[in-house]
Protein backbone atom coordinates (compact mmCIF):
# COMPACT_ATOMS: atom_id res chain seq x y z
CA MET A 1 -57.86 -54.74 18.31
CA THR A 2 -56.55 -52.91 15.29
CA VAL A 3 -52.89 -52.67 14.48
CA CYS A 4 -52.61 -51.07 11.13
CA ALA A 5 -50.14 -49.55 8.80
CA ILE A 6 -50.93 -46.01 7.74
CA GLU A 7 -49.18 -44.36 4.85
CA PRO A 8 -49.19 -41.02 3.07
CA ALA A 9 -52.48 -39.92 1.60
CA ALA A 10 -50.98 -39.18 -1.79
CA ALA A 11 -49.19 -42.49 -2.24
CA HIS A 12 -50.72 -45.67 -0.86
CA GLU A 13 -47.54 -47.71 -1.25
CA ASN A 14 -48.27 -50.65 1.00
CA GLY A 15 -52.02 -50.90 0.63
CA ALA A 16 -53.17 -49.92 4.11
CA GLY A 17 -55.55 -47.09 3.42
CA ARG A 18 -56.24 -44.03 5.55
CA ALA A 19 -58.96 -44.70 8.07
CA GLY A 20 -62.04 -42.60 8.81
CA CYS A 21 -60.99 -42.40 12.47
CA THR A 22 -58.26 -43.67 14.76
CA ILE A 23 -58.90 -46.08 17.64
CA THR A 24 -56.72 -46.72 20.68
CA ALA A 25 -55.12 -50.16 20.88
CA ASP A 26 -57.41 -51.11 23.79
CA GLY A 27 -60.51 -50.01 21.88
CA CYS A 28 -61.72 -47.56 24.55
CA TYR A 29 -61.47 -44.30 22.58
CA ALA A 30 -61.52 -43.11 19.00
CA ALA A 31 -60.89 -39.73 17.44
CA ARG A 32 -61.62 -38.16 14.08
CA LEU A 33 -62.08 -34.84 12.30
CA ALA A 34 -65.83 -34.28 12.02
CA LEU A 35 -67.69 -31.89 9.75
CA ALA A 36 -69.90 -29.01 10.88
CA GLY A 37 -71.07 -27.46 7.65
CA ASP A 38 -67.86 -26.83 5.74
CA SER A 39 -65.68 -26.73 8.85
CA LEU A 40 -63.62 -29.51 10.43
CA PHE A 41 -63.27 -29.99 14.19
CA PRO A 42 -61.78 -32.76 16.39
CA GLU A 43 -64.19 -35.22 17.95
CA ARG A 44 -63.52 -37.90 20.55
CA TRP A 45 -65.60 -41.07 20.75
CA THR A 46 -65.92 -43.12 23.94
CA LEU A 47 -66.41 -46.78 23.01
CA ASP A 48 -66.08 -48.76 26.25
CA GLY A 49 -69.38 -47.76 27.89
CA PRO A 50 -72.92 -49.15 27.51
CA GLU A 51 -73.40 -46.91 24.47
CA PRO A 52 -70.84 -45.05 22.37
CA TYR A 53 -70.93 -41.28 22.59
CA ALA A 54 -69.03 -38.39 21.00
CA VAL A 55 -67.50 -35.31 22.60
CA PRO A 56 -66.69 -32.41 20.26
CA LEU A 57 -63.34 -30.73 20.87
CA PRO A 58 -63.46 -27.59 18.72
CA GLY A 59 -60.71 -25.01 18.89
CA ASN A 60 -60.82 -21.29 18.26
CA GLN A 61 -60.97 -21.85 14.52
CA PRO A 62 -61.74 -24.70 12.10
CA GLU A 63 -59.01 -27.23 11.45
CA GLU A 64 -57.19 -27.57 8.13
CA PRO A 65 -57.81 -30.72 6.03
CA GLY A 66 -54.28 -32.03 6.68
CA THR A 67 -54.69 -31.97 10.48
CA GLU A 68 -54.30 -35.35 12.24
CA VAL A 69 -55.86 -36.52 15.51
CA GLN A 70 -55.14 -39.56 17.67
CA PRO A 71 -56.71 -40.62 20.99
CA LEU A 72 -54.68 -41.60 24.04
CA ALA A 73 -55.68 -44.18 26.64
CA ASP A 74 -56.49 -41.47 29.22
CA GLY A 75 -59.10 -39.87 26.94
CA ARG A 76 -57.06 -36.93 25.75
CA VAL A 77 -56.66 -36.41 22.01
CA LEU A 78 -53.36 -35.63 20.34
CA ILE A 79 -53.66 -33.13 17.49
CA HIS A 80 -51.01 -32.51 14.84
CA ARG A 81 -51.21 -29.25 12.89
CA LEU A 82 -48.97 -27.42 10.46
CA VAL A 83 -48.52 -23.91 11.91
CA ASP A 84 -46.26 -21.28 10.36
CA GLY A 85 -44.17 -23.89 8.60
CA ARG A 86 -43.69 -26.02 11.73
CA HIS A 87 -45.38 -29.21 12.93
CA ALA A 88 -47.20 -28.38 16.17
CA PHE A 89 -48.47 -31.00 18.62
CA SER A 90 -51.00 -30.47 21.44
CA LEU A 91 -53.28 -32.52 23.68
CA LEU A 92 -56.99 -31.69 23.65
CA TYR A 93 -59.43 -32.47 26.46
CA PRO A 94 -62.99 -31.41 27.35
CA THR A 95 -63.40 -28.64 29.96
CA GLY A 96 -67.12 -28.29 30.52
CA PRO A 97 -68.50 -26.37 27.56
CA GLY A 98 -65.08 -25.68 26.06
CA THR A 99 -61.89 -27.42 24.96
CA GLY A 100 -58.64 -27.40 26.89
CA GLU A 101 -55.38 -27.54 24.98
CA LEU A 102 -51.94 -28.47 26.30
CA PRO A 103 -49.15 -27.56 23.82
CA LEU A 104 -46.44 -30.23 23.60
CA GLY A 105 -44.00 -28.52 21.28
CA THR A 106 -43.10 -28.31 17.62
CA VAL A 107 -40.89 -30.00 15.05
CA ASP A 108 -39.25 -28.02 12.28
CA ARG A 109 -40.72 -28.68 8.88
CA PRO A 110 -38.52 -31.32 7.22
CA GLU A 111 -36.69 -30.71 3.99
CA GLU A 112 -38.51 -30.70 0.67
CA GLY A 113 -39.88 -34.13 -0.20
CA THR A 114 -40.16 -35.24 3.44
CA ARG A 115 -43.58 -35.80 5.02
CA LEU A 116 -44.24 -36.00 8.75
CA ARG A 117 -47.30 -37.97 9.86
CA LEU A 118 -48.54 -39.75 12.96
CA LEU A 119 -47.85 -43.45 13.32
CA PRO A 120 -50.65 -45.80 14.48
CA PRO A 121 -51.52 -45.58 18.19
CA ALA A 122 -48.85 -47.10 20.43
CA PRO A 123 -49.95 -50.31 22.22
CA ASP A 124 -49.63 -48.79 25.71
CA GLY A 125 -51.86 -45.82 24.83
CA ARG A 126 -49.65 -43.39 26.77
CA ARG A 127 -47.26 -42.41 24.01
CA ALA A 128 -47.62 -41.25 20.43
CA TYR A 129 -45.08 -41.32 17.62
CA ALA A 130 -44.64 -39.68 14.24
CA LEU A 131 -42.63 -40.66 11.17
CA ALA A 132 -40.77 -38.07 9.11
CA ALA A 133 -40.15 -39.95 5.87
CA GLY A 134 -37.85 -38.53 3.18
CA ARG A 135 -36.38 -39.89 -0.02
CA HIS A 136 -33.18 -41.18 1.55
CA SER A 137 -33.88 -41.46 5.29
CA ALA A 138 -36.60 -41.40 7.91
CA ALA A 139 -36.84 -40.29 11.53
CA VAL A 140 -39.14 -41.59 14.26
CA TRP A 141 -40.29 -38.91 16.70
CA LEU A 142 -41.82 -39.40 20.14
CA VAL A 143 -44.35 -36.56 20.12
CA ALA A 144 -46.44 -37.34 23.23
CA GLY A 145 -45.62 -39.15 26.46
CA GLY A 146 -41.94 -38.17 26.59
CA GLY A 147 -40.04 -36.01 29.02
CA SER A 148 -40.13 -32.56 27.46
CA GLY A 149 -41.50 -31.95 24.00
CA PRO A 150 -41.05 -33.92 20.79
CA GLU A 151 -37.93 -36.12 20.78
CA ARG A 152 -36.21 -37.85 17.86
CA VAL A 153 -35.81 -41.49 18.95
CA ALA A 154 -34.62 -43.24 15.78
CA GLU A 155 -32.98 -42.58 12.41
CA VAL A 156 -33.57 -45.09 9.62
CA PRO A 157 -31.58 -44.96 6.39
CA GLY A 158 -33.62 -45.31 3.21
CA GLY A 159 -37.05 -44.11 2.18
CA CYS A 160 -39.65 -45.52 4.57
CA SER A 161 -43.42 -45.93 4.64
CA GLY A 162 -45.98 -47.93 6.62
CA GLY A 163 -45.71 -48.41 10.37
CA VAL A 164 -46.92 -51.44 12.38
CA TRP A 165 -46.37 -52.24 16.06
CA LEU A 166 -45.17 -55.80 16.63
CA ASP A 167 -45.27 -56.06 20.43
CA ARG A 168 -47.39 -54.97 23.38
CA GLU A 169 -44.67 -52.75 24.83
CA GLY A 170 -44.49 -50.39 21.85
CA ARG A 171 -40.82 -51.10 21.32
CA MET A 172 -40.70 -53.01 18.02
CA LEU A 173 -41.87 -50.97 15.01
CA ALA A 174 -42.06 -52.43 11.50
CA LEU A 175 -41.41 -50.04 8.62
CA ASP A 176 -41.33 -50.67 4.87
CA ARG A 177 -37.95 -49.46 3.63
CA GLU A 178 -37.02 -48.81 -0.01
CA SER A 179 -33.46 -49.63 -0.97
CA GLY A 180 -31.94 -50.47 -4.33
CA GLY A 181 -35.27 -50.18 -6.07
CA ARG A 182 -36.96 -52.77 -3.81
CA THR A 183 -39.06 -52.40 -0.66
CA LYS A 184 -38.50 -54.73 2.29
CA SER A 185 -39.97 -54.53 5.78
CA VAL A 186 -37.51 -53.91 8.59
CA VAL A 187 -37.96 -53.74 12.34
CA VAL A 188 -36.82 -50.70 14.31
CA ASP A 189 -36.04 -51.41 17.97
CA LEU A 190 -36.86 -48.23 19.85
CA GLY A 191 -35.46 -49.76 23.03
CA ARG A 192 -32.00 -49.94 21.44
CA GLY A 193 -31.79 -46.46 20.05
CA GLY A 194 -33.47 -47.31 16.78
CA GLU A 195 -31.43 -50.39 15.85
CA VAL A 196 -32.64 -51.70 12.47
CA SER A 197 -32.94 -55.39 11.53
CA PRO A 198 -34.48 -57.15 8.50
CA LEU A 199 -38.00 -58.49 8.95
CA LEU A 200 -39.37 -59.71 5.61
CA GLN A 201 -37.19 -61.17 2.86
CA ILE A 202 -39.41 -63.32 0.67
CA ALA A 203 -37.41 -63.18 -2.56
CA PRO A 204 -34.41 -61.07 -3.63
CA GLY A 205 -36.40 -59.19 -6.25
CA SER A 206 -39.75 -58.88 -4.47
CA ASP A 207 -41.40 -55.94 -2.72
CA ASP A 208 -42.50 -57.12 0.74
CA ARG A 209 -44.59 -54.94 3.05
CA VAL A 210 -46.24 -55.49 6.44
CA LEU A 211 -49.87 -54.33 6.65
CA LEU A 212 -51.06 -55.60 10.04
CA ALA A 213 -49.70 -57.55 13.00
CA ASP A 214 -51.23 -59.16 16.05
CA PRO A 215 -48.79 -59.24 18.99
CA ASP A 216 -50.69 -62.01 20.79
CA SER A 217 -50.58 -64.68 18.09
CA GLY A 218 -47.75 -63.30 15.96
CA LEU A 219 -49.99 -63.22 12.89
CA LEU A 220 -48.66 -60.97 10.12
CA LEU A 221 -50.67 -59.74 7.15
CA ILE A 222 -48.39 -58.76 4.29
CA ARG A 223 -48.50 -57.61 0.68
CA SER A 224 -45.87 -58.90 -1.75
CA ASP A 225 -45.34 -59.57 -5.43
CA ALA A 226 -43.13 -62.61 -4.72
CA PRO A 227 -45.67 -65.24 -5.86
CA SER A 228 -46.73 -63.23 -8.94
CA PRO A 229 -44.05 -60.77 -10.14
CA GLY A 230 -45.65 -57.45 -10.99
CA GLU A 231 -48.80 -58.20 -8.98
CA ALA A 232 -48.92 -57.31 -5.29
CA ARG A 233 -50.84 -60.01 -3.42
CA LEU A 234 -52.13 -60.34 0.11
CA GLY A 235 -50.58 -63.06 2.25
CA TRP A 236 -50.05 -64.13 5.84
CA GLY A 237 -47.27 -65.50 8.02
CA VAL A 238 -46.33 -65.87 11.67
CA LEU A 239 -43.57 -64.04 13.55
CA GLY A 240 -40.92 -66.47 14.72
CA SER A 241 -42.11 -69.30 12.49
CA THR A 242 -40.00 -71.07 9.85
CA LEU A 243 -43.11 -72.03 7.88
CA PRO A 244 -43.70 -70.31 4.54
CA VAL A 245 -45.92 -67.32 4.05
CA ARG A 246 -49.13 -68.26 2.29
CA PHE A 247 -50.92 -66.28 -0.40
CA PRO A 248 -54.48 -67.67 -0.46
CA GLU A 249 -56.26 -67.54 -3.79
CA CYS A 250 -59.47 -66.51 -2.02
CA LEU A 251 -57.82 -63.15 -1.26
CA ARG A 252 -57.00 -62.62 -4.92
CA LEU A 253 -60.12 -60.87 -6.24
CA PRO A 254 -59.99 -59.56 -9.84
CA ASP A 255 -60.46 -55.79 -10.11
CA ARG A 256 -60.75 -55.49 -6.33
CA ARG A 257 -58.47 -53.94 -3.75
CA VAL A 258 -58.39 -56.06 -0.57
CA THR A 259 -57.01 -54.31 2.53
CA PRO A 260 -56.94 -55.87 6.03
CA PHE A 261 -57.85 -53.44 8.81
CA ALA A 262 -58.44 -55.50 11.97
CA VAL A 263 -57.22 -58.77 13.50
CA GLN A 264 -58.79 -60.68 16.39
CA PRO A 265 -56.51 -60.53 19.47
CA GLY A 266 -56.04 -63.07 22.24
CA GLN A 267 -55.40 -66.17 20.11
CA MET A 268 -52.06 -66.98 21.71
CA LEU A 269 -51.25 -70.35 20.15
CA THR A 270 -53.50 -70.35 17.09
CA PRO A 271 -52.64 -67.54 14.67
CA GLU A 272 -54.43 -69.38 11.89
CA GLY A 273 -57.64 -69.09 13.92
CA CYS A 274 -57.57 -65.28 14.18
CA ALA A 275 -60.52 -63.59 12.50
CA VAL A 276 -59.43 -60.89 10.05
CA ALA A 277 -61.55 -58.01 8.73
CA LEU A 278 -60.95 -56.87 5.15
CA HIS A 279 -62.00 -53.75 3.28
CA VAL A 280 -62.85 -54.82 -0.28
CA GLU A 281 -63.06 -52.02 -2.84
CA ARG A 282 -63.94 -51.90 -6.52
CA VAL A 283 -62.25 -49.54 -8.95
CA ASP A 284 -65.35 -47.30 -8.89
CA GLY A 285 -64.98 -46.78 -5.13
CA ALA A 286 -67.81 -49.07 -4.04
CA GLY A 287 -66.82 -51.37 -1.20
CA TRP A 288 -67.87 -53.86 1.43
CA ILE A 289 -66.39 -55.95 4.25
CA GLY A 290 -64.76 -59.36 4.02
CA LEU A 291 -64.46 -61.73 6.98
CA TRP A 292 -61.71 -64.36 6.80
CA ARG A 293 -59.53 -66.67 8.82
CA PRO A 294 -56.13 -67.95 7.67
CA ALA A 295 -57.24 -71.52 8.44
CA GLU A 296 -60.13 -71.19 5.98
CA ARG A 297 -60.08 -71.07 2.19
CA ARG A 298 -63.04 -68.75 2.02
CA VAL A 299 -63.85 -65.06 2.43
CA HIS A 300 -67.32 -64.16 3.69
CA HIS A 301 -68.49 -60.93 2.05
CA VAL A 302 -71.00 -58.71 3.87
CA PRO A 303 -72.27 -55.15 3.30
CA ALA A 304 -70.60 -52.37 5.22
CA PRO A 305 -72.86 -50.43 7.60
CA ALA A 306 -74.25 -47.19 6.21
CA GLY A 307 -72.06 -44.32 7.36
CA TRP A 308 -69.15 -46.62 8.21
CA LEU A 309 -65.94 -44.72 8.90
CA GLY A 310 -64.24 -46.72 6.17
CA GLY A 311 -61.21 -48.82 6.99
CA THR A 312 -61.82 -48.54 10.74
CA GLY A 313 -62.77 -51.20 13.26
CA LEU A 314 -61.51 -53.63 15.86
CA TRP A 315 -62.08 -57.21 16.91
CA THR A 316 -62.71 -58.17 20.50
CA ALA A 317 -60.96 -61.25 21.89
CA ASP A 318 -64.26 -63.17 21.83
CA GLY A 319 -64.72 -62.62 18.11
CA VAL A 320 -66.96 -59.56 17.72
CA LEU A 321 -66.01 -57.02 15.04
CA ARG A 322 -66.94 -53.47 16.07
CA LEU A 323 -67.39 -50.95 13.26
CA PRO A 324 -67.82 -47.22 14.03
CA TYR A 325 -70.35 -45.40 11.88
CA SER A 326 -72.02 -42.00 11.72
CA VAL A 327 -75.27 -41.47 9.86
CA GLY A 328 -78.50 -39.49 10.21
CA ALA A 329 -79.92 -39.63 13.70
CA VAL A 330 -76.98 -41.72 14.93
CA PRO A 331 -73.92 -39.45 14.71
CA CYS A 332 -71.93 -41.84 16.91
CA GLY A 333 -72.70 -45.53 16.54
CA VAL A 334 -70.94 -48.90 16.58
CA ALA A 335 -72.19 -51.79 14.47
CA THR A 336 -71.15 -55.35 15.30
CA LEU A 337 -70.43 -58.42 13.19
CA THR A 338 -69.31 -61.97 13.92
CA MET A 339 -67.89 -64.65 11.68
CA PRO A 340 -70.62 -66.73 10.01
CA GLY A 341 -71.49 -69.71 12.15
CA GLU A 342 -70.48 -67.88 15.32
CA GLU A 343 -73.50 -65.63 15.72
CA ARG A 344 -73.52 -64.03 19.14
CA ARG A 345 -76.69 -63.24 21.06
CA PRO A 346 -76.95 -60.36 23.50
CA GLU A 347 -78.40 -60.86 26.95
CA ASP A 348 -81.98 -60.28 25.78
CA GLY A 349 -81.67 -63.22 23.36
CA SER A 350 -82.27 -61.24 20.18
CA PRO A 351 -80.29 -62.08 17.02
CA ASP A 352 -76.96 -60.34 16.67
CA ASP A 353 -75.35 -61.47 13.42
CA ALA A 354 -75.21 -57.90 12.07
CA THR A 355 -76.45 -55.44 14.63
CA ALA A 356 -75.78 -51.89 15.72
CA GLU A 357 -75.24 -50.37 19.13
CA GLU A 358 -77.55 -47.49 18.37
CA GLY A 359 -77.66 -44.11 19.98
CA ALA A 360 -81.46 -43.87 19.76
CA GLU A 361 -84.14 -46.53 20.10
CA GLY A 362 -85.95 -47.53 16.95
CA THR A 363 -83.22 -46.32 14.62
CA GLU A 364 -82.90 -48.38 11.46
CA SER A 365 -79.96 -50.76 11.33
CA PRO A 366 -76.97 -49.21 9.53
CA PHE A 367 -76.49 -52.37 7.46
CA PRO A 368 -78.18 -51.95 4.07
CA ARG A 369 -79.76 -54.85 2.33
CA GLY A 370 -77.39 -56.09 -0.32
CA GLU A 371 -75.93 -59.06 -2.10
CA ARG A 372 -73.61 -61.31 -0.13
CA TYR A 373 -70.59 -62.66 -1.92
CA SER A 374 -68.55 -65.76 -1.25
CA ALA A 375 -65.49 -67.46 -2.69
CA GLN A 376 -63.82 -70.77 -1.96
CA LEU A 377 -60.61 -71.34 -3.87
CA PRO A 378 -57.36 -73.26 -3.34
CA THR A 379 -54.56 -71.81 -1.22
CA GLY A 380 -51.17 -70.96 -2.71
CA GLU A 381 -47.96 -70.50 -0.79
CA THR A 382 -44.38 -69.38 -1.26
CA GLU A 383 -41.25 -69.39 0.86
CA MET A 384 -40.26 -66.39 2.92
CA THR A 385 -38.23 -65.29 5.90
CA VAL A 386 -39.96 -63.84 8.96
CA HIS A 387 -37.35 -63.05 11.59
CA HIS A 388 -38.02 -63.75 15.24
CA LEU A 389 -38.56 -60.74 17.47
CA ASP A 390 -38.08 -60.55 21.20
CA SER A 391 -37.93 -57.41 23.31
CA LEU A 392 -35.55 -58.92 25.86
CA PRO A 393 -32.10 -57.31 25.55
CA ASP A 394 -30.16 -60.59 25.95
CA VAL A 395 -31.85 -62.27 22.97
CA PRO A 396 -29.75 -62.23 19.75
CA ARG A 397 -30.96 -59.89 17.05
CA PRO A 398 -32.82 -61.36 14.05
CA VAL A 399 -30.55 -62.82 11.38
CA PRO A 400 -31.63 -63.28 7.76
CA LEU A 401 -32.58 -66.89 7.09
CA GLN A 402 -30.16 -67.02 4.16
CA GLN A 403 -27.31 -66.44 6.63
CA ALA A 404 -28.25 -68.86 9.39
CA PRO A 405 -29.44 -72.49 9.67
CA LEU A 406 -33.01 -73.10 10.75
CA GLY A 407 -31.86 -74.52 14.05
CA ARG A 408 -30.74 -71.08 15.24
CA LEU A 409 -34.16 -69.52 14.80
CA VAL A 410 -36.61 -69.29 17.65
CA THR A 411 -39.95 -70.65 16.48
CA ASN A 412 -43.45 -70.58 17.81
């Protein structure tokens, strides 16, 4: 499963880069804007069958580069366009040789300096949300799955970025809010009219952002400059835990940008055992994939598959990383990886440490031959506050650790 933070294309504040496609929380569908010559058109991928396959969903004219698409659990694809100065939302679906389109409504273009973008897919797959983020406030919009048209469901004071779902119900949304020159993650409770509570408070003068979360284990992947002022570092913690966040040295790669994009679900009591997929990039744009577990002091570096839709993928509960790719004779493919030492064999008994679910027999593996990197360095750690979250209405709201003794916190 992938639960990722997505931020504006022009300003990657929290380090979660824009993905090549968007995948539903259950991993059944994906959607992207594909190229046909110089023209863009929506494309839906079905991922839960014996082989992945793509269904083109072109409209009456090519899409603009800023258009966004997002799949829903029922196979329809939400599309967000800017039309005549308004944000228009519709649902696309295949109708034989053509494309059906169900208009959902529009949202007025926000004031200057405000950008409206889709948030990551909601965990239930039935709804879709958008964030209109301005300099001094932000609004969360329910744009699909509501009663009648787009509906504003929350107002958040302060400039906001990011967006990570913290629970399976799609109620708790983490946003990175700027206030007083510092950025701290907060949680927005959509079940309480957008009530806002603090989430990350590592140090008074640090910038603390949530990048990924796994609702099953409570594992949080964060980026903060608390351990090294002026240098944003990747770390991990656990929702509801009073233990410190750790900033492993193995994730601190000189002249590299390390961005988590997928976390293994289903590890209920062992967040430190969750496999995490990392996108490692050099300053020249070259990149590869890192495989890591919080319990380990090592990152396993492997080549990305050729044609990988960069920054996109999901783990299965049994530890298989699925990476969508499009190249040559395989316009819709899914490559698979496992953590080293946990190689998985398919039913025919053939090796499967880095294989592809190919659309045509005999197609060359999308994984290029390349150098494998490894690092094994000590782990550093620093204190933080991660506030407990619970969607039940009778549970007290999170309270900053500085204002409450440890005994009042609910811990895992």
